[in-house]
Amino acid sequence: MQVQVQQHYYTPEDYLAIEEDAEYRSEYHDGEILAMAGGTFNHNRIAGNIFAALNFSLKDQKAYDVAMGDVKVWIPDTQSFLYPDVMVTAEQLQYYENRKDTITNPLVIIEVLSKSTQDYDRGDKFRSYRTL
């Protein structure tokens, strides 16, 4: 017997409300909420080293800042909220609907690849990032 699973469509507002109260982070892509894989020590160490190197390199450049992990990016062309591992931002941040946890204008986005996430990171996620 086949069972048809009905897929639920979430609006961006639904996702943001769910994400605020969620125990674990998730990403949003065109109506779907996608659970994020848990990070490993090595993944965090690599992202942290990249963050530290960029932060040190840009410390005298007041126009730039570096963020890691907890700031989302809104990508309107693909209707996506994504969490880059590391990103470089400009002094004039543009926020999604005045939300301080979501920006729309990163300059550089860095994803640390792992075996469990590389297909997604190189596929749909990368295609979304390229529309910025």
N, C-alpha and C. Protein backbone atom coordinates (compact mmCIF):
# COMPACT_ATOMS: atom_id res chain seq x y z
N MET A 1 0.84 -1.18 0.00
CA MET A 1 0.00 0.00 0.00
C MET A 1 0.89 1.24 0.00
N GLN A 2 0.59 2.17 -0.87
CA GLN A 2 1.34 3.41 -0.91
C GLN A 2 0.66 4.44 -0.02
N VAL A 3 1.49 5.17 0.67
CA VAL A 3 0.99 6.24 1.53
C VAL A 3 1.46 7.55 0.93
N GLN A 4 0.55 8.43 0.68
CA GLN A 4 0.91 9.74 0.14
C GLN A 4 1.14 10.68 1.31
N VAL A 5 2.33 11.25 1.33
CA VAL A 5 2.67 12.18 2.39
C VAL A 5 2.38 13.58 1.87
N GLN A 6 1.57 14.29 2.62
CA GLN A 6 1.24 15.65 2.23
C GLN A 6 2.32 16.58 2.75
N GLN A 7 2.91 17.33 1.84
CA GLN A 7 3.95 18.26 2.22
C GLN A 7 3.31 19.57 2.65
N HIS A 8 3.75 20.08 3.79
CA HIS A 8 3.21 21.33 4.30
C HIS A 8 4.03 22.49 3.76
N TYR A 9 3.36 23.53 3.29
CA TYR A 9 4.03 24.73 2.82
C TYR A 9 4.05 25.74 3.96
N TYR A 10 5.23 26.25 4.28
CA TYR A 10 5.39 27.27 5.31
C TYR A 10 5.71 28.61 4.64
N THR A 11 5.15 29.67 5.16
CA THR A 11 5.51 31.00 4.69
C THR A 11 6.80 31.42 5.39
N PRO A 12 7.49 32.42 4.87
CA PRO A 12 8.67 32.92 5.59
C PRO A 12 8.34 33.34 7.02
N GLU A 13 7.17 33.93 7.22
CA GLU A 13 6.76 34.35 8.56
C GLU A 13 6.55 33.14 9.47
N ASP A 14 5.95 32.05 8.93
CA ASP A 14 5.80 30.81 9.70
C ASP A 14 7.16 30.32 10.16
N TYR A 15 8.09 30.25 9.22
CA TYR A 15 9.43 29.76 9.53
C TYR A 15 10.08 30.59 10.63
N LEU A 16 10.03 31.91 10.52
CA LEU A 16 10.68 32.77 11.52
C LEU A 16 10.07 32.58 12.90
N ALA A 17 8.76 32.41 12.96
CA ALA A 17 8.09 32.18 14.25
C ALA A 17 8.52 30.83 14.83
N ILE A 18 8.58 29.81 14.00
CA ILE A 18 9.00 28.48 14.46
C ILE A 18 10.46 28.52 14.89
N GLU A 19 11.30 29.18 14.13
CA GLU A 19 12.74 29.23 14.40
C GLU A 19 13.04 29.93 15.72
N GLU A 20 12.25 30.94 16.07
CA GLU A 20 12.48 31.67 17.33
C GLU A 20 12.34 30.77 18.54
N ASP A 21 11.41 29.82 18.50
CA ASP A 21 11.15 28.95 19.64
C ASP A 21 11.79 27.57 19.52
N ALA A 22 12.45 27.31 18.41
CA ALA A 22 13.00 25.97 18.16
C ALA A 22 14.22 25.69 19.02
N GLU A 23 14.33 24.43 19.41
CA GLU A 23 15.50 23.99 20.17
C GLU A 23 16.72 23.86 19.26
N TYR A 24 16.48 23.50 18.01
CA TYR A 24 17.56 23.32 17.03
C TYR A 24 17.32 24.22 15.83
N ARG A 25 18.41 24.64 15.22
CA ARG A 25 18.29 25.52 14.05
C ARG A 25 17.85 24.75 12.82
N SER A 26 17.19 25.49 11.95
CA SER A 26 16.79 24.92 10.66
C SER A 26 16.92 26.02 9.62
N GLU A 27 16.90 25.62 8.36
CA GLU A 27 16.93 26.57 7.26
C GLU A 27 15.62 26.49 6.52
N TYR A 28 15.36 27.49 5.71
CA TYR A 28 14.09 27.60 4.99
C TYR A 28 14.39 27.76 3.51
N HIS A 29 13.68 26.98 2.69
CA HIS A 29 13.87 27.10 1.24
C HIS A 29 12.53 26.92 0.55
N ASP A 30 12.01 28.03 0.04
CA ASP A 30 10.81 28.01 -0.80
C ASP A 30 9.67 27.18 -0.20
N GLY A 31 9.33 27.48 1.06
CA GLY A 31 8.19 26.83 1.70
C GLY A 31 8.52 25.61 2.53
N GLU A 32 9.74 25.11 2.43
CA GLU A 32 10.16 23.95 3.20
C GLU A 32 11.08 24.36 4.34
N ILE A 33 10.92 23.71 5.49
CA ILE A 33 11.84 23.91 6.60
C ILE A 33 12.75 22.69 6.64
N LEU A 34 14.05 22.96 6.60
CA LEU A 34 15.05 21.89 6.52
C LEU A 34 15.88 21.85 7.80
N ALA A 35 15.83 20.73 8.51
CA ALA A 35 16.62 20.59 9.73
C ALA A 35 18.10 20.64 9.38
N MET A 36 18.87 21.30 10.22
CA MET A 36 20.32 21.38 9.99
C MET A 36 21.01 20.24 10.72
N ALA A 37 22.05 19.72 10.10
CA ALA A 37 22.84 18.67 10.73
C ALA A 37 23.63 19.26 11.88
N GLY A 38 23.85 18.46 12.90
CA GLY A 38 24.66 18.92 14.03
C GLY A 38 26.12 19.07 13.61
N GLY A 39 26.77 20.07 14.13
CA GLY A 39 28.16 20.33 13.78
C GLY A 39 29.10 19.43 14.56
N THR A 40 30.26 19.18 13.98
CA THR A 40 31.28 18.40 14.66
C THR A 40 32.35 19.34 15.20
N PHE A 41 33.21 18.80 16.05
CA PHE A 41 34.30 19.59 16.60
C PHE A 41 35.18 20.13 15.47
N ASN A 42 35.54 19.27 14.52
CA ASN A 42 36.40 19.71 13.41
C ASN A 42 35.73 20.78 12.56
N HIS A 43 34.45 20.61 12.29
CA HIS A 43 33.71 21.61 11.51
C HIS A 43 33.77 22.96 12.22
N ASN A 44 33.50 22.96 13.52
CA ASN A 44 33.54 24.21 14.29
C ASN A 44 34.94 24.79 14.36
N ARG A 45 35.94 23.93 14.47
CA ARG A 45 37.32 24.42 14.53
C ARG A 45 37.71 25.08 13.21
N ILE A 46 37.36 24.46 12.09
CA ILE A 46 37.68 25.04 10.78
C ILE A 46 36.97 26.37 10.59
N ALA A 47 35.67 26.41 10.89
CA ALA A 47 34.91 27.66 10.77
C ALA A 47 35.49 28.73 11.70
N GLY A 48 35.85 28.33 12.91
CA GLY A 48 36.43 29.27 13.87
C GLY A 48 37.77 29.82 13.40
N ASN A 49 38.59 28.97 12.81
CA ASN A 49 39.88 29.42 12.28
C ASN A 49 39.70 30.39 11.12
N ILE A 50 38.75 30.09 10.25
CA ILE A 50 38.46 31.01 9.13
C ILE A 50 37.96 32.34 9.67
N PHE A 51 37.04 32.29 10.63
CA PHE A 51 36.52 33.50 11.26
C PHE A 51 37.67 34.32 11.85
N ALA A 52 38.54 33.66 12.63
CA ALA A 52 39.64 34.37 13.29
C ALA A 52 40.59 34.99 12.28
N ALA A 53 40.93 34.25 11.22
CA ALA A 53 41.84 34.78 10.21
C ALA A 53 41.25 35.99 9.49
N LEU A 54 39.98 35.89 9.12
CA LEU A 54 39.33 37.03 8.45
C LEU A 54 39.18 38.21 9.40
N ASN A 55 38.79 37.94 10.63
CA ASN A 55 38.61 39.00 11.61
C ASN A 55 39.94 39.74 11.84
N PHE A 56 41.03 38.98 11.96
CA PHE A 56 42.35 39.59 12.14
C PHE A 56 42.76 40.38 10.90
N SER A 57 42.54 39.80 9.73
CA SER A 57 42.94 40.47 8.47
C SER A 57 42.17 41.75 8.22
N LEU A 58 40.93 41.80 8.67
CA LEU A 58 40.07 42.97 8.41
C LEU A 58 39.96 43.92 9.60
N LYS A 59 40.74 43.67 10.66
CA LYS A 59 40.57 44.46 11.89
C LYS A 59 40.78 45.96 11.69
N ASP A 60 41.63 46.35 10.75
CA ASP A 60 41.87 47.77 10.49
C ASP A 60 40.95 48.33 9.41
N GLN A 61 40.12 47.51 8.85
CA GLN A 61 39.18 47.92 7.81
C GLN A 61 37.81 48.14 8.47
N LYS A 62 37.53 49.33 8.87
CA LYS A 62 36.31 49.63 9.63
C LYS A 62 35.03 49.35 8.85
N ALA A 63 35.11 49.29 7.54
CA ALA A 63 33.91 49.10 6.72
C ALA A 63 33.43 47.65 6.71
N TYR A 64 34.25 46.72 7.22
CA TYR A 64 33.90 45.31 7.13
C TYR A 64 33.81 44.68 8.51
N ASP A 65 33.01 43.63 8.59
CA ASP A 65 32.91 42.85 9.82
C ASP A 65 32.74 41.39 9.44
N VAL A 66 33.01 40.52 10.38
CA VAL A 66 32.92 39.08 10.13
C VAL A 66 31.92 38.49 11.12
N ALA A 67 31.05 37.64 10.63
CA ALA A 67 30.05 36.97 11.48
C ALA A 67 30.21 35.47 11.31
N MET A 68 29.81 34.75 12.36
CA MET A 68 29.95 33.30 12.34
C MET A 68 28.72 32.63 12.94
N GLY A 69 28.08 31.79 12.15
CA GLY A 69 27.13 30.82 12.67
C GLY A 69 25.71 31.22 12.97
N ASP A 70 25.46 32.24 13.75
CA ASP A 70 24.11 32.49 14.25
C ASP A 70 23.34 33.56 13.49
N VAL A 71 23.89 34.10 12.43
CA VAL A 71 23.21 35.12 11.65
C VAL A 71 22.73 34.50 10.35
N LYS A 72 21.44 34.67 10.08
CA LYS A 72 20.86 34.13 8.85
C LYS A 72 21.02 35.12 7.71
N VAL A 73 20.94 34.57 6.49
CA VAL A 73 20.90 35.38 5.28
C VAL A 73 19.57 35.12 4.60
N TRP A 74 18.86 36.19 4.23
CA TRP A 74 17.62 36.07 3.46
C TRP A 74 17.97 36.24 1.99
N ILE A 75 17.52 35.28 1.19
CA ILE A 75 17.78 35.31 -0.25
C ILE A 75 16.44 35.35 -0.97
N PRO A 76 16.01 36.53 -1.40
CA PRO A 76 14.67 36.67 -1.96
C PRO A 76 14.42 35.87 -3.24
N ASP A 77 15.42 35.76 -4.11
CA ASP A 77 15.21 35.07 -5.39
C ASP A 77 14.83 33.60 -5.21
N THR A 78 15.33 32.98 -4.16
CA THR A 78 15.02 31.56 -3.92
C THR A 78 14.15 31.37 -2.68
N GLN A 79 13.69 32.50 -2.11
CA GLN A 79 12.86 32.43 -0.90
C GLN A 79 13.52 31.55 0.15
N SER A 80 14.76 31.91 0.53
CA SER A 80 15.54 31.08 1.45
C SER A 80 16.09 31.89 2.61
N PHE A 81 16.05 31.27 3.79
CA PHE A 81 16.79 31.74 4.96
C PHE A 81 17.88 30.69 5.20
N LEU A 82 19.14 31.10 5.13
CA LEU A 82 20.24 30.16 5.27
C LEU A 82 21.22 30.65 6.32
N TYR A 83 21.91 29.72 6.96
CA TYR A 83 22.93 30.02 7.96
C TYR A 83 24.31 29.72 7.38
N PRO A 84 25.02 30.70 6.86
CA PRO A 84 26.40 30.44 6.43
C PRO A 84 27.28 30.15 7.65
N ASP A 85 28.35 29.38 7.44
CA ASP A 85 29.28 29.13 8.54
C ASP A 85 30.02 30.40 8.92
N VAL A 86 30.47 31.14 7.93
CA VAL A 86 31.18 32.41 8.15
C VAL A 86 30.79 33.35 7.03
N MET A 87 30.67 34.63 7.35
CA MET A 87 30.43 35.61 6.28
C MET A 87 31.07 36.94 6.63
N VAL A 88 31.44 37.66 5.59
CA VAL A 88 31.96 39.01 5.72
C VAL A 88 30.84 39.95 5.32
N THR A 89 30.65 40.98 6.13
CA THR A 89 29.57 41.94 5.88
C THR A 89 30.15 43.34 5.73
N ALA A 90 29.33 44.21 5.16
CA ALA A 90 29.72 45.61 4.99
C ALA A 90 29.19 46.43 6.16
N GLU A 91 29.74 47.62 6.29
CA GLU A 91 29.33 48.52 7.37
C GLU A 91 27.83 48.82 7.33
N GLN A 92 27.29 48.99 6.16
CA GLN A 92 25.87 49.29 6.01
C GLN A 92 25.06 48.00 5.87
N LEU A 93 24.85 47.33 6.97
CA LEU A 93 24.07 46.09 6.93
C LEU A 93 22.63 46.38 6.53
N GLN A 94 22.10 45.49 5.74
CA GLN A 94 20.68 45.57 5.38
C GLN A 94 20.00 44.37 6.05
N TYR A 95 19.04 44.68 6.91
CA TYR A 95 18.35 43.64 7.67
C TYR A 95 17.04 43.27 7.00
N TYR A 96 16.67 42.01 7.15
CA TYR A 96 15.37 41.54 6.67
C TYR A 96 14.32 42.01 7.66
N GLU A 97 13.45 42.90 7.24
CA GLU A 97 12.35 43.43 8.06
C GLU A 97 12.80 43.83 9.46
N ASN A 98 13.94 44.52 9.53
CA ASN A 98 14.49 45.04 10.79
C ASN A 98 14.85 43.96 11.80
N ARG A 99 15.02 42.73 11.36
CA ARG A 99 15.44 41.64 12.25
C ARG A 99 16.96 41.66 12.34
N LYS A 100 17.50 41.80 13.51
CA LYS A 100 18.95 41.89 13.70
C LYS A 100 19.65 40.54 13.54
N ASP A 101 18.89 39.46 13.38
CA ASP A 101 19.48 38.14 13.20
C ASP A 101 19.48 37.68 11.74
N THR A 102 19.04 38.56 10.83
CA THR A 102 18.92 38.17 9.42
C THR A 102 19.33 39.33 8.53
N ILE A 103 20.36 39.10 7.70
CA ILE A 103 20.80 40.16 6.79
C ILE A 103 20.53 39.76 5.34
N THR A 104 20.59 40.76 4.48
CA THR A 104 20.31 40.51 3.06
C THR A 104 21.48 40.87 2.15
N ASN A 105 22.59 41.37 2.72
CA ASN A 105 23.68 41.84 1.86
C ASN A 105 25.07 41.39 2.30
N PRO A 106 25.31 40.09 2.46
CA PRO A 106 26.68 39.68 2.77
C PRO A 106 27.59 39.90 1.57
N LEU A 107 28.86 40.16 1.84
CA LEU A 107 29.83 40.33 0.76
C LEU A 107 30.51 39.01 0.41
N VAL A 108 30.81 38.23 1.43
CA VAL A 108 31.48 36.94 1.26
C VAL A 108 30.75 35.92 2.12
N ILE A 109 30.50 34.74 1.56
CA ILE A 109 29.87 33.65 2.30
C ILE A 109 30.79 32.44 2.23
N ILE A 110 31.02 31.82 3.38
CA ILE A 110 31.89 30.64 3.44
C ILE A 110 31.12 29.50 4.10
N GLU A 111 31.13 28.35 3.45
CA GLU A 111 30.56 27.13 4.00
C GLU A 111 31.68 26.12 4.18
N VAL A 112 31.76 25.53 5.35
CA VAL A 112 32.70 24.45 5.61
C VAL A 112 32.00 23.16 5.21
N LEU A 113 32.57 22.44 4.27
CA LEU A 113 31.92 21.23 3.76
C LEU A 113 32.22 20.03 4.66
N SER A 114 31.23 19.17 4.78
CA SER A 114 31.41 17.89 5.47
C SER A 114 30.74 16.83 4.61
N LYS A 115 31.05 15.58 4.89
CA LYS A 115 30.47 14.49 4.09
C LYS A 115 28.95 14.51 4.14
N SER A 116 28.40 14.85 5.30
CA SER A 116 26.94 14.78 5.46
C SER A 116 26.20 15.94 4.82
N THR A 117 26.88 17.07 4.59
CA THR A 117 26.18 18.25 4.06
C THR A 117 26.69 18.73 2.71
N GLN A 118 27.76 18.13 2.19
CA GLN A 118 28.39 18.70 0.99
C GLN A 118 27.48 18.71 -0.23
N ASP A 119 26.61 17.73 -0.38
CA ASP A 119 25.72 17.74 -1.55
C ASP A 119 24.76 18.92 -1.49
N TYR A 120 24.18 19.16 -0.33
CA TYR A 120 23.28 20.30 -0.14
C TYR A 120 24.04 21.62 -0.27
N ASP A 121 25.22 21.69 0.39
CA ASP A 121 26.01 22.93 0.36
C ASP A 121 26.48 23.28 -1.06
N ARG A 122 26.80 22.27 -1.85
CA ARG A 122 27.26 22.50 -3.22
C ARG A 122 26.11 22.58 -4.22
N GLY A 123 24.93 22.18 -3.80
CA GLY A 123 23.77 22.15 -4.68
C GLY A 123 22.83 23.32 -4.45
N ASP A 124 21.68 23.04 -3.83
CA ASP A 124 20.65 24.06 -3.64
C ASP A 124 21.16 25.28 -2.88
N LYS A 125 21.94 25.05 -1.85
CA LYS A 125 22.42 26.17 -1.04
C LYS A 125 23.34 27.07 -1.86
N PHE A 126 24.26 26.47 -2.60
CA PHE A 126 25.18 27.25 -3.43
C PHE A 126 24.42 28.01 -4.52
N ARG A 127 23.44 27.35 -5.13
CA ARG A 127 22.64 28.03 -6.16
C ARG A 127 21.90 29.24 -5.55
N SER A 128 21.42 29.10 -4.34
CA SER A 128 20.76 30.23 -3.68
C SER A 128 21.74 31.36 -3.43
N TYR A 129 22.91 31.04 -2.88
CA TYR A 129 23.92 32.06 -2.61
C TYR A 129 24.30 32.82 -3.88
N ARG A 130 24.38 32.13 -5.00
CA ARG A 130 24.81 32.76 -6.25
C ARG A 130 23.83 33.81 -6.76
N THR A 131 22.61 33.81 -6.27
CA THR A 131 21.64 34.82 -6.72
C THR A 131 21.84 36.16 -6.02
N LEU A 132 22.65 36.20 -4.98
CA LEU A 132 22.86 37.47 -4.26
C LEU A 132 23.71 38.42 -5.07
